[in-house]
Amino acid sequence: MILLSMKCKRSWRETELDLEDELAIEVTLRLAIQEAGPEFIAEFISKLAFDNYKAKKMLDEAEEYIYELEDVVNSLPRNMHNP
């Protein structure tokens, strides 16, 4: 299981990967590294790290927005039409 965030009381960014998915990711990365060649490994890793950083930042912002919306919805008055 991969946990993408542990700072919130509950995380919606939790996922489980099947062994087949893990293998597919590993094979893809190995092929990409093999194709890149030793002279481009550092650049390849740098690009992966940068893309990972951007994805994490987008997820952090989405999570913050979701919790803000949840707070707004929870603060709405309850009535017969909005139980």
PDB file of N, CA and C in Angstrom:
ATOM      1  N   MET A   1       0.834  -1.162   0.000  1.00  0.00           N
ATOM      2  CA  MET A   1       0.000   0.000   0.000  1.00  0.00           C
ATOM      3  C   MET A   1       0.889   1.239   0.000  1.00  0.00           C
ATOM      4  N   ILE A   2       0.512   2.222  -0.759  1.00  0.00           N
ATOM      5  CA  ILE A   2       1.258   3.469  -0.841  1.00  0.00           C
ATOM      6  C   ILE A   2       0.442   4.555  -0.170  1.00  0.00           C
ATOM      7  N   LEU A   3       1.044   5.256   0.765  1.00  0.00           N
ATOM      8  CA  LEU A   3       0.394   6.398   1.393  1.00  0.00           C
ATOM      9  C   LEU A   3       1.028   7.654   0.824  1.00  0.00           C
ATOM     10  N   LEU A   4       0.227   8.493   0.236  1.00  0.00           N
ATOM     11  CA  LEU A   4       0.748   9.692  -0.386  1.00  0.00           C
ATOM     12  C   LEU A   4       0.761  10.875   0.570  1.00  0.00           C
ATOM     13  N   SER A   5       0.025  10.783   1.655  1.00  0.00           N
ATOM     14  CA  SER A   5       0.017  11.858   2.634  1.00  0.00           C
ATOM     15  C   SER A   5      -0.355  11.289   3.986  1.00  0.00           C
ATOM     16  N   MET A   6       0.294  11.802   5.021  1.00  0.00           N
ATOM     17  CA  MET A   6      -0.037  11.358   6.361  1.00  0.00           C
ATOM     18  C   MET A   6      -0.297  12.556   7.268  1.00  0.00           C
ATOM     19  N   LYS A   7      -0.347  13.776   6.707  1.00  0.00           N
ATOM     20  CA  LYS A   7      -0.487  14.962   7.546  1.00  0.00           C
ATOM     21  C   LYS A   7      -1.930  15.226   7.948  1.00  0.00           C
ATOM     22  N   CYS A   8      -2.899  14.713   7.253  1.00  0.00           N
ATOM     23  CA  CYS A   8      -4.299  14.963   7.567  1.00  0.00           C
ATOM     24  C   CYS A   8      -4.848  13.850   8.439  1.00  0.00           C
ATOM     25  N   LYS A   9      -5.962  14.156   9.103  1.00  0.00           N
ATOM     26  CA  LYS A   9      -6.571  13.163   9.983  1.00  0.00           C
ATOM     27  C   LYS A   9      -7.035  11.937   9.201  1.00  0.00           C
ATOM     28  N   ARG A  10      -7.383  12.129   7.983  1.00  0.00           N
ATOM     29  CA  ARG A  10      -7.741  11.011   7.114  1.00  0.00           C
ATOM     30  C   ARG A  10      -7.276  11.368   5.710  1.00  0.00           C
ATOM     31  N   SER A  11      -6.836  10.388   5.001  1.00  0.00           N
ATOM     32  CA  SER A  11      -6.301  10.677   3.677  1.00  0.00           C
ATOM     33  C   SER A  11      -7.147  10.014   2.598  1.00  0.00           C
ATOM     34  N   TRP A  12      -7.524  10.793   1.627  1.00  0.00           N
ATOM     35  CA  TRP A  12      -8.224  10.243   0.471  1.00  0.00           C
ATOM     36  C   TRP A  12      -7.210   9.848  -0.598  1.00  0.00           C
ATOM     37  N   ARG A  13      -5.924  10.083  -0.309  1.00  0.00           N
ATOM     38  CA  ARG A  13      -4.873   9.783  -1.278  1.00  0.00           C
ATOM     39  C   ARG A  13      -4.161   8.487  -0.911  1.00  0.00           C
ATOM     40  N   GLU A  14      -4.915   7.484  -0.632  1.00  0.00           N
ATOM     41  CA  GLU A  14      -4.365   6.202  -0.265  1.00  0.00           C
ATOM     42  C   GLU A  14      -4.746   5.212  -1.350  1.00  0.00           C
ATOM     43  N   THR A  15      -3.809   4.398  -1.765  1.00  0.00           N
ATOM     44  CA  THR A  15      -4.123   3.459  -2.822  1.00  0.00           C
ATOM     45  C   THR A  15      -3.356   2.165  -2.621  1.00  0.00           C
ATOM     46  N   GLU A  16      -3.878   1.124  -3.182  1.00  0.00           N
ATOM     47  CA  GLU A  16      -3.193  -0.153  -3.169  1.00  0.00           C
ATOM     48  C   GLU A  16      -2.858  -0.506  -4.615  1.00  0.00           C
ATOM     49  N   LEU A  17      -1.661  -1.026  -4.806  1.00  0.00           N
ATOM     50  CA  LEU A  17      -1.243  -1.447  -6.136  1.00  0.00           C
ATOM     51  C   LEU A  17      -1.192  -2.964  -6.192  1.00  0.00           C
ATOM     52  N   ASP A  18      -1.726  -3.505  -7.258  1.00  0.00           N
ATOM     53  CA  ASP A  18      -1.602  -4.945  -7.480  1.00  0.00           C
ATOM     54  C   ASP A  18      -0.167  -5.259  -7.844  1.00  0.00           C
ATOM     55  N   LEU A  19       0.225  -6.499  -7.642  1.00  0.00           N
ATOM     56  CA  LEU A  19       1.577  -6.910  -8.010  1.00  0.00           C
ATOM     57  C   LEU A  19       1.834  -6.710  -9.497  1.00  0.00           C
ATOM     58  N   GLU A  20       0.790  -6.914 -10.308  1.00  0.00           N
ATOM     59  CA  GLU A  20       0.940  -6.723 -11.753  1.00  0.00           C
ATOM     60  C   GLU A  20       1.250  -5.257 -12.072  1.00  0.00           C
ATOM     61  N   ASP A  21       0.586  -4.338 -11.368  1.00  0.00           N
ATOM     62  CA  ASP A  21       0.842  -2.915 -11.576  1.00  0.00           C
ATOM     63  C   ASP A  21       2.258  -2.544 -11.141  1.00  0.00           C
ATOM     64  N   GLU A  22       2.678  -3.062  -9.991  1.00  0.00           N
ATOM     65  CA  GLU A  22       4.038  -2.796  -9.522  1.00  0.00           C
ATOM     66  C   GLU A  22       5.065  -3.300 -10.527  1.00  0.00           C
ATOM     67  N   LEU A  23       4.829  -4.498 -11.049  1.00  0.00           N
ATOM     68  CA  LEU A  23       5.750  -5.067 -12.037  1.00  0.00           C
ATOM     69  C   LEU A  23       5.771  -4.226 -13.304  1.00  0.00           C
ATOM     70  N   ALA A  24       4.603  -3.786 -13.749  1.00  0.00           N
ATOM     71  CA  ALA A  24       4.533  -2.957 -14.956  1.00  0.00           C
ATOM     72  C   ALA A  24       5.303  -1.658 -14.764  1.00  0.00           C
ATOM     73  N   ILE A  25       5.184  -1.042 -13.591  1.00  0.00           N
ATOM     74  CA  ILE A  25       5.921   0.193 -13.313  1.00  0.00           C
ATOM     75  C   ILE A  25       7.419  -0.076 -13.317  1.00  0.00           C
ATOM     76  N   GLU A  26       7.828  -1.154 -12.649  1.00  0.00           N
ATOM     77  CA  GLU A  26       9.254  -1.474 -12.582  1.00  0.00           C
ATOM     78  C   GLU A  26       9.827  -1.761 -13.962  1.00  0.00           C
ATOM     79  N   VAL A  27       9.116  -2.542 -14.768  1.00  0.00           N
ATOM     80  CA  VAL A  27       9.594  -2.862 -16.115  1.00  0.00           C
ATOM     81  C   VAL A  27       9.700  -1.594 -16.956  1.00  0.00           C
ATOM     82  N   THR A  28       8.701  -0.730 -16.862  1.00  0.00           N
ATOM     83  CA  THR A  28       8.712   0.520 -17.622  1.00  0.00           C
ATOM     84  C   THR A  28       9.900   1.391 -17.233  1.00  0.00           C
ATOM     85  N   LEU A  29      10.136   1.524 -15.922  1.00  0.00           N
ATOM     86  CA  LEU A  29      11.273   2.328 -15.467  1.00  0.00           C
ATOM     87  C   LEU A  29      12.600   1.727 -15.909  1.00  0.00           C
ATOM     88  N   ARG A  30      12.712   0.417 -15.816  1.00  0.00           N
ATOM     89  CA  ARG A  30      13.958  -0.228 -16.241  1.00  0.00           C
ATOM     90  C   ARG A  30      14.212  -0.021 -17.737  1.00  0.00           C
ATOM     91  N   LEU A  31      13.154  -0.145 -18.532  1.00  0.00           N
ATOM     92  CA  LEU A  31      13.297   0.082 -19.980  1.00  0.00           C
ATOM     93  C   LEU A  31      13.672   1.537 -20.276  1.00  0.00           C
ATOM     94  N   ALA A  32      13.044   2.476 -19.563  1.00  0.00           N
ATOM     95  CA  ALA A  32      13.352   3.886 -19.778  1.00  0.00           C
ATOM     96  C   ALA A  32      14.793   4.185 -19.404  1.00  0.00           C
ATOM     97  N   ILE A  33      15.259   3.626 -18.280  1.00  0.00           N
ATOM     98  CA  ILE A  33      16.646   3.837 -17.861  1.00  0.00           C
ATOM     99  C   ILE A  33      17.607   3.207 -18.860  1.00  0.00           C
ATOM    100  N   GLN A  34      17.271   2.037 -19.344  1.00  0.00           N
ATOM    101  CA  GLN A  34      18.115   1.347 -20.325  1.00  0.00           C
ATOM    102  C   GLN A  34      18.197   2.156 -21.627  1.00  0.00           C
ATOM    103  N   GLU A  35      17.064   2.693 -22.053  1.00  0.00           N
ATOM    104  CA  GLU A  35      17.039   3.481 -23.282  1.00  0.00           C
ATOM    105  C   GLU A  35      17.776   4.806 -23.117  1.00  0.00           C
ATOM    106  N   ALA A  36      17.667   5.386 -21.936  1.00  0.00           N
ATOM    107  CA  ALA A  36      18.301   6.683 -21.698  1.00  0.00           C
ATOM    108  C   ALA A  36      19.823   6.561 -21.746  1.00  0.00           C
ATOM    109  N   GLY A  37      20.328   5.458 -21.283  1.00  0.00           N
ATOM    110  CA  GLY A  37      21.777   5.273 -21.262  1.00  0.00           C
ATOM    111  C   GLY A  37      22.391   5.953 -20.051  1.00  0.00           C
ATOM    112  N   PRO A  38      23.595   5.540 -19.703  1.00  0.00           N
ATOM    113  CA  PRO A  38      24.238   6.039 -18.487  1.00  0.00           C
ATOM    114  C   PRO A  38      24.443   7.552 -18.467  1.00  0.00           C
ATOM    115  N   GLU A  39      24.653   8.153 -19.618  1.00  0.00           N
ATOM    116  CA  GLU A  39      24.924   9.597 -19.649  1.00  0.00           C
ATOM    117  C   GLU A  39      23.685  10.450 -19.359  1.00  0.00           C
ATOM    118  N   PHE A  40      22.489   9.857 -19.459  1.00  0.00           N
ATOM    119  CA  PHE A  40      21.259  10.625 -19.246  1.00  0.00           C
ATOM    120  C   PHE A  40      20.496  10.197 -17.997  1.00  0.00           C
ATOM    121  N   ILE A  41      21.059   9.291 -17.206  1.00  0.00           N
ATOM    122  CA  ILE A  41      20.372   8.799 -16.008  1.00  0.00           C
ATOM    123  C   ILE A  41      20.083   9.948 -15.031  1.00  0.00           C
ATOM    124  N   ALA A  42      21.065  10.793 -14.780  1.00  0.00           N
ATOM    125  CA  ALA A  42      20.871  11.898 -13.832  1.00  0.00           C
ATOM    126  C   ALA A  42      19.744  12.826 -14.297  1.00  0.00           C
ATOM    127  N   GLU A  43      19.717  13.149 -15.580  1.00  0.00           N
ATOM    128  CA  GLU A  43      18.661  14.013 -16.112  1.00  0.00           C
ATOM    129  C   GLU A  43      17.298  13.325 -16.012  1.00  0.00           C
ATOM    130  N   PHE A  44      17.262  12.028 -16.287  1.00  0.00           N
ATOM    131  CA  PHE A  44      16.025  11.252 -16.209  1.00  0.00           C
ATOM    132  C   PHE A  44      15.483  11.259 -14.771  1.00  0.00           C
ATOM    133  N   ILE A  45      16.359  11.008 -13.805  1.00  0.00           N
ATOM    134  CA  ILE A  45      15.948  10.994 -12.400  1.00  0.00           C
ATOM    135  C   ILE A  45      15.485  12.381 -11.975  1.00  0.00           C
ATOM    136  N   SER A  46      16.169  13.399 -12.426  1.00  0.00           N
ATOM    137  CA  SER A  46      15.784  14.770 -12.098  1.00  0.00           C
ATOM    138  C   SER A  46      14.385  15.083 -12.629  1.00  0.00           C
ATOM    139  N   LYS A  47      14.101  14.671 -13.856  1.00  0.00           N
ATOM    140  CA  LYS A  47      12.771  14.917 -14.432  1.00  0.00           C
ATOM    141  C   LYS A  47      11.698  14.149 -13.676  1.00  0.00           C
ATOM    142  N   LEU A  48      11.997  12.898 -13.289  1.00  0.00           N
ATOM    143  CA  LEU A  48      11.033  12.119 -12.502  1.00  0.00           C
ATOM    144  C   LEU A  48      10.750  12.809 -11.165  1.00  0.00           C
ATOM    145  N   ALA A  49      11.798  13.281 -10.513  1.00  0.00           N
ATOM    146  CA  ALA A  49      11.640  13.948  -9.219  1.00  0.00           C
ATOM    147  C   ALA A  49      10.818  15.226  -9.371  1.00  0.00           C
ATOM    148  N   PHE A  50      11.074  15.991 -10.421  1.00  0.00           N
ATOM    149  CA  PHE A  50      10.338  17.231 -10.645  1.00  0.00           C
ATOM    150  C   PHE A  50       8.863  16.945 -10.921  1.00  0.00           C
ATOM    151  N   ASP A  51       8.588  15.948 -11.765  1.00  0.00           N
ATOM    152  CA  ASP A  51       7.198  15.578 -12.046  1.00  0.00           C
ATOM    153  C   ASP A  51       6.494  15.086 -10.786  1.00  0.00           C
ATOM    154  N   ASN A  52       7.209  14.325  -9.961  1.00  0.00           N
ATOM    155  CA  ASN A  52       6.643  13.849  -8.707  1.00  0.00           C
ATOM    156  C   ASN A  52       6.311  15.034  -7.789  1.00  0.00           C
ATOM    157  N   TYR A  53       7.214  16.011  -7.726  1.00  0.00           N
ATOM    158  CA  TYR A  53       6.986  17.204  -6.906  1.00  0.00           C
ATOM    159  C   TYR A  53       5.738  17.960  -7.379  1.00  0.00           C
ATOM    160  N   LYS A  54       5.605  18.143  -8.696  1.00  0.00           N
ATOM    161  CA  LYS A  54       4.440  18.848  -9.233  1.00  0.00           C
ATOM    162  C   LYS A  54       3.149  18.090  -8.911  1.00  0.00           C
ATOM    163  N   ALA A  55       3.182  16.770  -9.074  1.00  0.00           N
ATOM    164  CA  ALA A  55       1.991  15.961  -8.789  1.00  0.00           C
ATOM    165  C   ALA A  55       1.620  16.048  -7.311  1.00  0.00           C
ATOM    166  N   LYS A  56       2.611  15.980  -6.438  1.00  0.00           N
ATOM    167  CA  LYS A  56       2.348  16.074  -4.997  1.00  0.00           C
ATOM    168  C   LYS A  56       1.767  17.440  -4.643  1.00  0.00           C
ATOM    169  N   LYS A  57       2.304  18.487  -5.243  1.00  0.00           N
ATOM    170  CA  LYS A  57       1.802  19.839  -4.981  1.00  0.00           C
ATOM    171  C   LYS A  57       0.344  19.965  -5.440  1.00  0.00           C
ATOM    172  N   MET A  58       0.011  19.417  -6.597  1.00  0.00           N
ATOM    173  CA  MET A  58      -1.367  19.463  -7.080  1.00  0.00           C
ATOM    174  C   MET A  58      -2.294  18.689  -6.142  1.00  0.00           C
ATOM    175  N   LEU A  59      -1.844  17.531  -5.674  1.00  0.00           N
ATOM    176  CA  LEU A  59      -2.653  16.747  -4.751  1.00  0.00           C
ATOM    177  C   LEU A  59      -2.840  17.468  -3.421  1.00  0.00           C
ATOM    178  N   ASP A  60      -1.794  18.115  -2.930  1.00  0.00           N
ATOM    179  CA  ASP A  60      -1.905  18.883  -1.684  1.00  0.00           C
ATOM    180  C   ASP A  60      -2.947  19.988  -1.828  1.00  0.00           C
ATOM    181  N   GLU A  61      -2.910  20.703  -2.943  1.00  0.00           N
ATOM    182  CA  GLU A  61      -3.857  21.787  -3.177  1.00  0.00           C
ATOM    183  C   GLU A  61      -5.278  21.254  -3.335  1.00  0.00           C
ATOM    184  N   ALA A  62      -5.418  20.129  -4.028  1.00  0.00           N
ATOM    185  CA  ALA A  62      -6.743  19.528  -4.198  1.00  0.00           C
ATOM    186  C   ALA A  62      -7.290  19.062  -2.851  1.00  0.00           C
ATOM    187  N   GLU A  63      -6.429  18.473  -2.039  1.00  0.00           N
ATOM    188  CA  GLU A  63      -6.869  18.006  -0.721  1.00  0.00           C
ATOM    189  C   GLU A  63      -7.320  19.178   0.145  1.00  0.00           C
ATOM    190  N   GLU A  64      -6.576  20.260   0.129  1.00  0.00           N
ATOM    191  CA  GLU A  64      -6.942  21.449   0.894  1.00  0.00           C
ATOM    192  C   GLU A  64      -8.298  21.989   0.426  1.00  0.00           C
ATOM    193  N   TYR A  65      -8.503  22.042  -0.874  1.00  0.00           N
ATOM    194  CA  TYR A  65      -9.764  22.522  -1.440  1.00  0.00           C
ATOM    195  C   TYR A  65     -10.929  21.613  -1.036  1.00  0.00           C
ATOM    196  N   ILE A  66     -10.707  20.314  -1.085  1.00  0.00           N
ATOM    197  CA  ILE A  66     -11.754  19.356  -0.710  1.00  0.00           C
ATOM    198  C   ILE A  66     -12.161  19.559   0.740  1.00  0.00           C
ATOM    199  N   TYR A  67     -11.179  19.715   1.627  1.00  0.00           N
ATOM    200  CA  TYR A  67     -11.495  19.906   3.045  1.00  0.00           C
ATOM    201  C   TYR A  67     -12.169  21.250   3.290  1.00  0.00           C
ATOM    202  N   GLU A  68     -11.803  22.280   2.533  1.00  0.00           N
ATOM    203  CA  GLU A  68     -12.487  23.563   2.651  1.00  0.00           C
ATOM    204  C   GLU A  68     -13.943  23.437   2.224  1.00  0.00           C
ATOM    205  N   LEU A  69     -14.182  22.730   1.119  1.00  0.00           N
ATOM    206  CA  LEU A  69     -15.560  22.516   0.672  1.00  0.00           C
ATOM    207  C   LEU A  69     -16.344  21.701   1.687  1.00  0.00           C
ATOM    208  N   GLU A  70     -15.691  20.709   2.257  1.00  0.00           N
ATOM    209  CA  GLU A  70     -16.345  19.883   3.267  1.00  0.00           C
ATOM    210  C   GLU A  70     -16.750  20.731   4.470  1.00  0.00           C
ATOM    211  N   ASP A  71     -15.886  21.645   4.887  1.00  0.00           N
ATOM    212  CA  ASP A  71     -16.209  22.532   6.002  1.00  0.00           C
ATOM    213  C   ASP A  71     -17.401  23.420   5.671  1.00  0.00           C
ATOM    214  N   VAL A  72     -17.443  23.930   4.442  1.00  0.00           N
ATOM    215  CA  VAL A  72     -18.563  24.779   4.023  1.00  0.00           C
ATOM    216  C   VAL A  72     -19.865  23.975   4.035  1.00  0.00           C
ATOM    217  N   VAL A  73     -19.823  22.788   3.469  1.00  0.00           N
ATOM    218  CA  VAL A  73     -21.027  21.949   3.424  1.00  0.00           C
ATOM    219  C   VAL A  73     -21.481  21.587   4.835  1.00  0.00           C
ATOM    220  N   ASN A  74     -20.550  21.255   5.703  1.00  0.00           N
ATOM    221  CA  ASN A  74     -20.904  20.889   7.076  1.00  0.00           C
ATOM    222  C   ASN A  74     -21.448  22.069   7.869  1.00  0.00           C
ATOM    223  N   SER A  75     -21.120  23.298   7.456  1.00  0.00           N
ATOM    224  CA  SER A  75     -21.612  24.477   8.182  1.00  0.00           C
ATOM    225  C   SER A  75     -22.982  24.936   7.697  1.00  0.00           C
ATOM    226  N   LEU A  76     -23.471  24.364   6.610  1.00  0.00           N
ATOM    227  CA  LEU A  76     -24.791  24.750   6.106  1.00  0.00           C
ATOM    228  C   LEU A  76     -25.871  24.297   7.087  1.00  0.00           C
ATOM    229  N   PRO A  77     -26.921  25.102   7.232  1.00  0.00           N
ATOM    230  CA  PRO A  77     -28.005  24.709   8.142  1.00  0.00           C
ATOM    231  C   PRO A  77     -28.694  23.456   7.647  1.00  0.00           C
ATOM    232  N   ARG A  78     -29.071  22.627   8.566  1.00  0.00           N
ATOM    233  CA  ARG A  78     -29.779  21.380   8.231  1.00  0.00           C
ATOM    234  C   ARG A  78     -31.290  21.629   8.290  1.00  0.00           C
ATOM    235  N   ASN A  79     -32.000  21.104   7.326  1.00  0.00           N
ATOM    236  CA  ASN A  79     -33.453  21.177   7.356  1.00  0.00           C
ATOM    237  C   ASN A  79     -34.007  19.906   6.719  1.00  0.00           C
ATOM    238  N   MET A  80     -35.296  19.869   6.508  1.00  0.00           N
ATOM    239  CA  MET A  80     -35.907  18.653   5.966  1.00  0.00           C
ATOM    240  C   MET A  80     -35.409  18.337   4.566  1.00  0.00           C
ATOM    241  N   HIS A  81     -35.061  19.363   3.802  1.00  0.00           N
ATOM    242  CA  HIS A  81     -34.599  19.153   2.437  1.00  0.00           C
ATOM    243  C   HIS A  81     -33.098  18.958   2.354  1.00  0.00           C
ATOM    244  N   ASN A  82     -32.408  19.194   3.455  1.00  0.00           N
ATOM    245  CA  ASN A  82     -30.958  19.063   3.480  1.00  0.00           C
ATOM    246  C   ASN A  82     -30.554  18.319   4.763  1.00  0.00           C
ATOM    247  N   PRO A  83     -30.877  17.003   4.832  1.00  0.00           N
ATOM    248  CA  PRO A  83     -30.614  16.272   6.084  1.00  0.00           C
ATOM    249  C   PRO A  83     -29.146  16.068   6.358  1.00  0.00           C
TER     250      PRO A  83
END
